[in-house]
Amino acid sequence: KIPLVAVTLREGARALDDDLDAVA
């Protein structure tokens, strides 16, 4: 199961909004 979860969350982490990261 670990690789499936990792791939899903990797795509989510790639999609994080960089502008919100900058605001933080």
PDB file of all heavy atoms in Angstrom:
ATOM      1  N   LYS A   1       0.799  -1.222   0.000  1.00  0.00           N
ATOM      2  CA  LYS A   1       0.000   0.000   0.000  1.00  0.00           C
ATOM      3  C   LYS A   1       0.837   1.281   0.000  1.00  0.00           C
ATOM      4  O   LYS A   1       0.431   2.288  -0.582  1.00  0.00           O
ATOM      5  CB  LYS A   1      -0.928  -0.014   1.230  1.00  0.00           C
ATOM      6  CG  LYS A   1      -1.909   1.109   1.254  1.00  0.00           C
ATOM      7  CD  LYS A   1      -2.806   1.082   0.021  1.00  0.00           C
ATOM      8  CE  LYS A   1      -3.642   2.340  -0.043  1.00  0.00           C
ATOM      9  NZ  LYS A   1      -3.719   2.891  -1.368  1.00  0.00           N
ATOM     10  N   ILE A   2       1.989   1.276   0.623  1.00  0.00           N
ATOM     11  CA  ILE A   2       2.799   2.493   0.769  1.00  0.00           C
ATOM     12  C   ILE A   2       3.075   3.186  -0.569  1.00  0.00           C
ATOM     13  O   ILE A   2       2.900   4.404  -0.666  1.00  0.00           O
ATOM     14  CB  ILE A   2       4.096   2.202   1.556  1.00  0.00           C
ATOM     15  CG1 ILE A   2       3.758   1.988   3.030  1.00  0.00           C
ATOM     16  CG2 ILE A   2       5.114   3.317   1.391  1.00  0.00           C
ATOM     17  CD1 ILE A   2       4.917   1.469   3.872  1.00  0.00           C
ATOM     18  N   PRO A   3       3.493   2.477  -1.618  1.00  0.00           N
ATOM     19  CA  PRO A   3       3.762   3.187  -2.881  1.00  0.00           C
ATOM     20  C   PRO A   3       2.536   3.896  -3.457  1.00  0.00           C
ATOM     21  O   PRO A   3       2.645   4.989  -4.018  1.00  0.00           O
ATOM     22  CB  PRO A   3       4.244   2.089  -3.832  1.00  0.00           C
ATOM     23  CG  PRO A   3       4.732   0.998  -2.942  1.00  0.00           C
ATOM     24  CD  PRO A   3       3.881   1.069  -1.706  1.00  0.00           C
ATOM     25  N   LEU A   4       1.364   3.304  -3.306  1.00  0.00           N
ATOM     26  CA  LEU A   4       0.141   3.942  -3.823  1.00  0.00           C
ATOM     27  C   LEU A   4      -0.174   5.234  -3.078  1.00  0.00           C
ATOM     28  O   LEU A   4      -0.549   6.238  -3.690  1.00  0.00           O
ATOM     29  CB  LEU A   4      -1.040   2.972  -3.734  1.00  0.00           C
ATOM     30  CG  LEU A   4      -0.935   1.748  -4.632  1.00  0.00           C
ATOM     31  CD1 LEU A   4      -1.979   0.713  -4.255  1.00  0.00           C
ATOM     32  CD2 LEU A   4      -1.075   2.146  -6.078  1.00  0.00           C
ATOM     33  N   VAL A   5      -0.026   5.204  -1.774  1.00  0.00           N
ATOM     34  CA  VAL A   5      -0.259   6.413  -0.979  1.00  0.00           C
ATOM     35  C   VAL A   5       0.797   7.462  -1.323  1.00  0.00           C
ATOM     36  O   VAL A   5       0.485   8.642  -1.493  1.00  0.00           O
ATOM     37  CB  VAL A   5      -0.245   6.098   0.534  1.00  0.00           C
ATOM     38  CG1 VAL A   5      -0.311   7.368   1.363  1.00  0.00           C
ATOM     39  CG2 VAL A   5      -1.394   5.173   0.888  1.00  0.00           C
ATOM     40  N   ALA A   6       2.046   7.031  -1.442  1.00  0.00           N
ATOM     41  CA  ALA A   6       3.134   7.962  -1.747  1.00  0.00           C
ATOM     42  C   ALA A   6       2.896   8.667  -3.080  1.00  0.00           C
ATOM     43  O   ALA A   6       3.086   9.890  -3.186  1.00  0.00           O
ATOM     44  CB  ALA A   6       4.477   7.227  -1.760  1.00  0.00           C
ATOM     45  N   VAL A   7       2.473   7.937  -4.088  1.00  0.00           N
ATOM     46  CA  VAL A   7       2.224   8.551  -5.399  1.00  0.00           C
ATOM     47  C   VAL A   7       1.084   9.556  -5.318  1.00  0.00           C
ATOM     48  O   VAL A   7       1.177  10.667  -5.860  1.00  0.00           O
ATOM     49  CB  VAL A   7       1.933   7.463  -6.461  1.00  0.00           C
ATOM     50  CG1 VAL A   7       1.329   8.063  -7.715  1.00  0.00           C
ATOM     51  CG2 VAL A   7       3.199   6.714  -6.803  1.00  0.00           C
ATOM     52  N   THR A   8       0.025   9.210  -4.640  1.00  0.00           N
ATOM     53  CA  THR A   8      -1.125  10.118  -4.513  1.00  0.00           C
ATOM     54  C   THR A   8      -0.725  11.402  -3.805  1.00  0.00           C
ATOM     55  O   THR A   8      -1.029  12.507  -4.265  1.00  0.00           O
ATOM     56  CB  THR A   8      -2.275   9.422  -3.759  1.00  0.00           C
ATOM     57  OG1 THR A   8      -2.634   8.230  -4.459  1.00  0.00           O
ATOM     58  CG2 THR A   8      -3.478  10.327  -3.650  1.00  0.00           C
ATOM     59  N   LEU A   9      -0.018  11.279  -2.683  1.00  0.00           N
ATOM     60  CA  LEU A   9       0.378  12.467  -1.920  1.00  0.00           C
ATOM     61  C   LEU A   9       1.499  13.242  -2.603  1.00  0.00           C
ATOM     62  O   LEU A   9       1.592  14.462  -2.461  1.00  0.00           O
ATOM     63  CB  LEU A   9       0.777  12.085  -0.498  1.00  0.00           C
ATOM     64  CG  LEU A   9      -0.360  12.087   0.522  1.00  0.00           C
ATOM     65  CD1 LEU A   9      -0.924  13.464   0.741  1.00  0.00           C
ATOM     66  CD2 LEU A   9      -1.471  11.135   0.176  1.00  0.00           C
ATOM     67  N   ARG A  10       2.329  12.547  -3.363  1.00  0.00           N
ATOM     68  CA  ARG A  10       3.371  13.251  -4.120  1.00  0.00           C
ATOM     69  C   ARG A  10       2.727  14.198  -5.125  1.00  0.00           C
ATOM     70  O   ARG A  10       3.133  15.354  -5.255  1.00  0.00           O
ATOM     71  CB  ARG A  10       4.278  12.249  -4.845  1.00  0.00           C
ATOM     72  CG  ARG A  10       5.351  12.925  -5.694  1.00  0.00           C
ATOM     73  CD  ARG A  10       6.242  11.935  -6.382  1.00  0.00           C
ATOM     74  NE  ARG A  10       5.512  11.173  -7.377  1.00  0.00           N
ATOM     75  CZ  ARG A  10       6.054  10.207  -8.110  1.00  0.00           C
ATOM     76  NH1 ARG A  10       7.321   9.861  -7.945  1.00  0.00           N
ATOM     77  NH2 ARG A  10       5.333   9.561  -8.998  1.00  0.00           N
ATOM     78  N   GLU A  11       1.692  13.720  -5.804  1.00  0.00           N
ATOM     79  CA  GLU A  11       0.987  14.585  -6.762  1.00  0.00           C
ATOM     80  C   GLU A  11       0.309  15.747  -6.048  1.00  0.00           C
ATOM     81  O   GLU A  11       0.281  16.865  -6.560  1.00  0.00           O
ATOM     82  CB  GLU A  11      -0.022  13.772  -7.582  1.00  0.00           C
ATOM     83  CG  GLU A  11       0.624  12.722  -8.455  1.00  0.00           C
ATOM     84  CD  GLU A  11       1.755  13.252  -9.325  1.00  0.00           C
ATOM     85  OE1 GLU A  11       1.580  14.315  -9.957  1.00  0.00           O
ATOM     86  OE2 GLU A  11       2.819  12.618  -9.358  1.00  0.00           O
ATOM     87  N   GLY A  12      -0.240  15.481  -4.867  1.00  0.00           N
ATOM     88  CA  GLY A  12      -0.833  16.559  -4.082  1.00  0.00           C
ATOM     89  C   GLY A  12       0.195  17.588  -3.656  1.00  0.00           C
ATOM     90  O   GLY A  12      -0.042  18.795  -3.735  1.00  0.00           O
ATOM     91  N   ALA A  13       1.352  17.128  -3.217  1.00  0.00           N
ATOM     92  CA  ALA A  13       2.410  18.052  -2.784  1.00  0.00           C
ATOM     93  C   ALA A  13       2.946  18.862  -3.965  1.00  0.00           C
ATOM     94  O   ALA A  13       3.305  20.026  -3.798  1.00  0.00           O
ATOM     95  CB  ALA A  13       3.537  17.275  -2.108  1.00  0.00           C
ATOM     96  N   ARG A  14       2.984  18.257  -5.127  1.00  0.00           N
ATOM     97  CA  ARG A  14       3.418  19.001  -6.320  1.00  0.00           C
ATOM     98  C   ARG A  14       2.422  20.097  -6.685  1.00  0.00           C
ATOM     99  O   ARG A  14       2.794  21.112  -7.264  1.00  0.00           O
ATOM    100  CB  ARG A  14       3.553  18.057  -7.512  1.00  0.00           C
ATOM    101  CG  ARG A  14       4.766  17.178  -7.472  1.00  0.00           C
ATOM    102  CD  ARG A  14       4.777  16.261  -8.673  1.00  0.00           C
ATOM    103  NE  ARG A  14       5.945  15.401  -8.681  1.00  0.00           N
ATOM    104  CZ  ARG A  14       6.098  14.373  -9.493  1.00  0.00           C
ATOM    105  NH1 ARG A  14       5.156  14.076 -10.369  1.00  0.00           N
ATOM    106  NH2 ARG A  14       7.187  13.642  -9.428  1.00  0.00           N
ATOM    107  N   ALA A  15       1.152  19.873  -6.345  1.00  0.00           N
ATOM    108  CA  ALA A  15       0.096  20.814  -6.712  1.00  0.00           C
ATOM    109  C   ALA A  15      -0.110  21.924  -5.678  1.00  0.00           C
ATOM    110  O   ALA A  15      -0.965  22.786  -5.862  1.00  0.00           O
ATOM    111  CB  ALA A  15      -1.226  20.058  -6.916  1.00  0.00           C
ATOM    112  N   LEU A  16       0.668  21.912  -4.590  1.00  0.00           N
ATOM    113  CA  LEU A  16       0.512  22.957  -3.572  1.00  0.00           C
ATOM    114  C   LEU A  16       0.753  24.333  -4.183  1.00  0.00           C
ATOM    115  O   LEU A  16       1.625  24.517  -5.028  1.00  0.00           O
ATOM    116  CB  LEU A  16       1.486  22.726  -2.418  1.00  0.00           C
ATOM    117  CG  LEU A  16       1.194  21.522  -1.524  1.00  0.00           C
ATOM    118  CD1 LEU A  16       2.301  21.339  -0.500  1.00  0.00           C
ATOM    119  CD2 LEU A  16      -0.149  21.649  -0.840  1.00  0.00           C
ATOM    120  N   ASP A  17      -0.027  25.285  -3.727  1.00  0.00           N
ATOM    121  CA  ASP A  17       0.056  26.657  -4.233  1.00  0.00           C
ATOM    122  C   ASP A  17       1.294  27.341  -3.654  1.00  0.00           C
ATOM    123  O   ASP A  17       1.397  27.571  -2.440  1.00  0.00           O
ATOM    124  CB  ASP A  17      -1.215  27.408  -3.832  1.00  0.00           C
ATOM    125  CG  ASP A  17      -1.320  28.782  -4.452  1.00  0.00           C
ATOM    126  OD1 ASP A  17      -0.293  29.306  -4.935  1.00  0.00           O
ATOM    127  OD2 ASP A  17      -2.432  29.333  -4.457  1.00  0.00           O
ATOM    128  N   ASP A  18       2.240  27.687  -4.514  1.00  0.00           N
ATOM    129  CA  ASP A  18       3.478  28.342  -4.071  1.00  0.00           C
ATOM    130  C   ASP A  18       3.211  29.714  -3.461  1.00  0.00           C
ATOM    131  O   ASP A  18       3.961  30.158  -2.583  1.00  0.00           O
ATOM    132  CB  ASP A  18       4.456  28.466  -5.244  1.00  0.00           C
ATOM    133  CG  ASP A  18       5.006  27.116  -5.655  1.00  0.00           C
ATOM    134  OD1 ASP A  18       5.079  26.207  -4.809  1.00  0.00           O
ATOM    135  OD2 ASP A  18       5.377  26.965  -6.846  1.00  0.00           O
ATOM    136  N   ASP A  19       2.153  30.386  -3.903  1.00  0.00           N
ATOM    137  CA  ASP A  19       1.828  31.692  -3.334  1.00  0.00           C
ATOM    138  C   ASP A  19       1.426  31.556  -1.861  1.00  0.00           C
ATOM    139  O   ASP A  19       1.801  32.391  -1.035  1.00  0.00           O
ATOM    140  CB  ASP A  19       0.694  32.360  -4.122  1.00  0.00           C
ATOM    141  CG  ASP A  19       1.132  32.777  -5.524  1.00  0.00           C
ATOM    142  OD1 ASP A  19       2.360  32.935  -5.739  1.00  0.00           O
ATOM    143  OD2 ASP A  19       0.253  32.945  -6.394  1.00  0.00           O
ATOM    144  N   LEU A  20       0.675  30.516  -1.537  1.00  0.00           N
ATOM    145  CA  LEU A  20       0.302  30.296  -0.140  1.00  0.00           C
ATOM    146  C   LEU A  20       1.525  29.939   0.702  1.00  0.00           C
ATOM    147  O   LEU A  20       1.624  30.322   1.871  1.00  0.00           O
ATOM    148  CB  LEU A  20      -0.762  29.206  -0.027  1.00  0.00           C
ATOM    149  CG  LEU A  20      -2.141  29.569  -0.591  1.00  0.00           C
ATOM    150  CD1 LEU A  20      -3.078  28.374  -0.492  1.00  0.00           C
ATOM    151  CD2 LEU A  20      -2.722  30.764   0.135  1.00  0.00           C
ATOM    152  N   ASP A  21       2.452  29.220   0.102  1.00  0.00           N
ATOM    153  CA  ASP A  21       3.703  28.901   0.781  1.00  0.00           C
ATOM    154  C   ASP A  21       4.470  30.189   1.097  1.00  0.00           C
ATOM    155  O   ASP A  21       4.991  30.361   2.200  1.00  0.00           O
ATOM    156  CB  ASP A  21       4.538  27.974  -0.101  1.00  0.00           C
ATOM    157  CG  ASP A  21       5.782  27.477   0.596  1.00  0.00           C
ATOM    158  OD1 ASP A  21       5.740  27.248   1.817  1.00  0.00           O
ATOM    159  OD2 ASP A  21       6.810  27.307  -0.096  1.00  0.00           O
ATOM    160  N   ALA A  22       4.504  31.100   0.142  1.00  0.00           N
ATOM    161  CA  ALA A  22       5.194  32.380   0.345  1.00  0.00           C
ATOM    162  C   ALA A  22       4.516  33.194   1.442  1.00  0.00           C
ATOM    163  O   ALA A  22       5.190  33.809   2.279  1.00  0.00           O
ATOM    164  CB  ALA A  22       5.228  33.167  -0.965  1.00  0.00           C
ATOM    165  N   VAL A  23       3.193  33.196   1.465  1.00  0.00           N
ATOM    166  CA  VAL A  23       2.454  33.918   2.503  1.00  0.00           C
ATOM    167  C   VAL A  23       2.783  33.342   3.881  1.00  0.00           C
ATOM    168  O   VAL A  23       3.000  34.086   4.841  1.00  0.00           O
ATOM    169  CB  VAL A  23       0.930  33.872   2.228  1.00  0.00           C
ATOM    170  CG1 VAL A  23       0.138  34.373   3.432  1.00  0.00           C
ATOM    171  CG2 VAL A  23       0.583  34.665   0.985  1.00  0.00           C
ATOM    172  N   ALA A  24       2.841  32.008   3.979  1.00  0.00           N
ATOM    173  CA  ALA A  24       3.174  31.369   5.253  1.00  0.00           C
ATOM    174  C   ALA A  24       4.563  31.790   5.724  1.00  0.00           C
ATOM    175  O   ALA A  24       4.766  32.056   6.910  1.00  0.00           O
ATOM    176  CB  ALA A  24       3.092  29.853   5.116  1.00  0.00           C
TER     177      ALA A  24
END
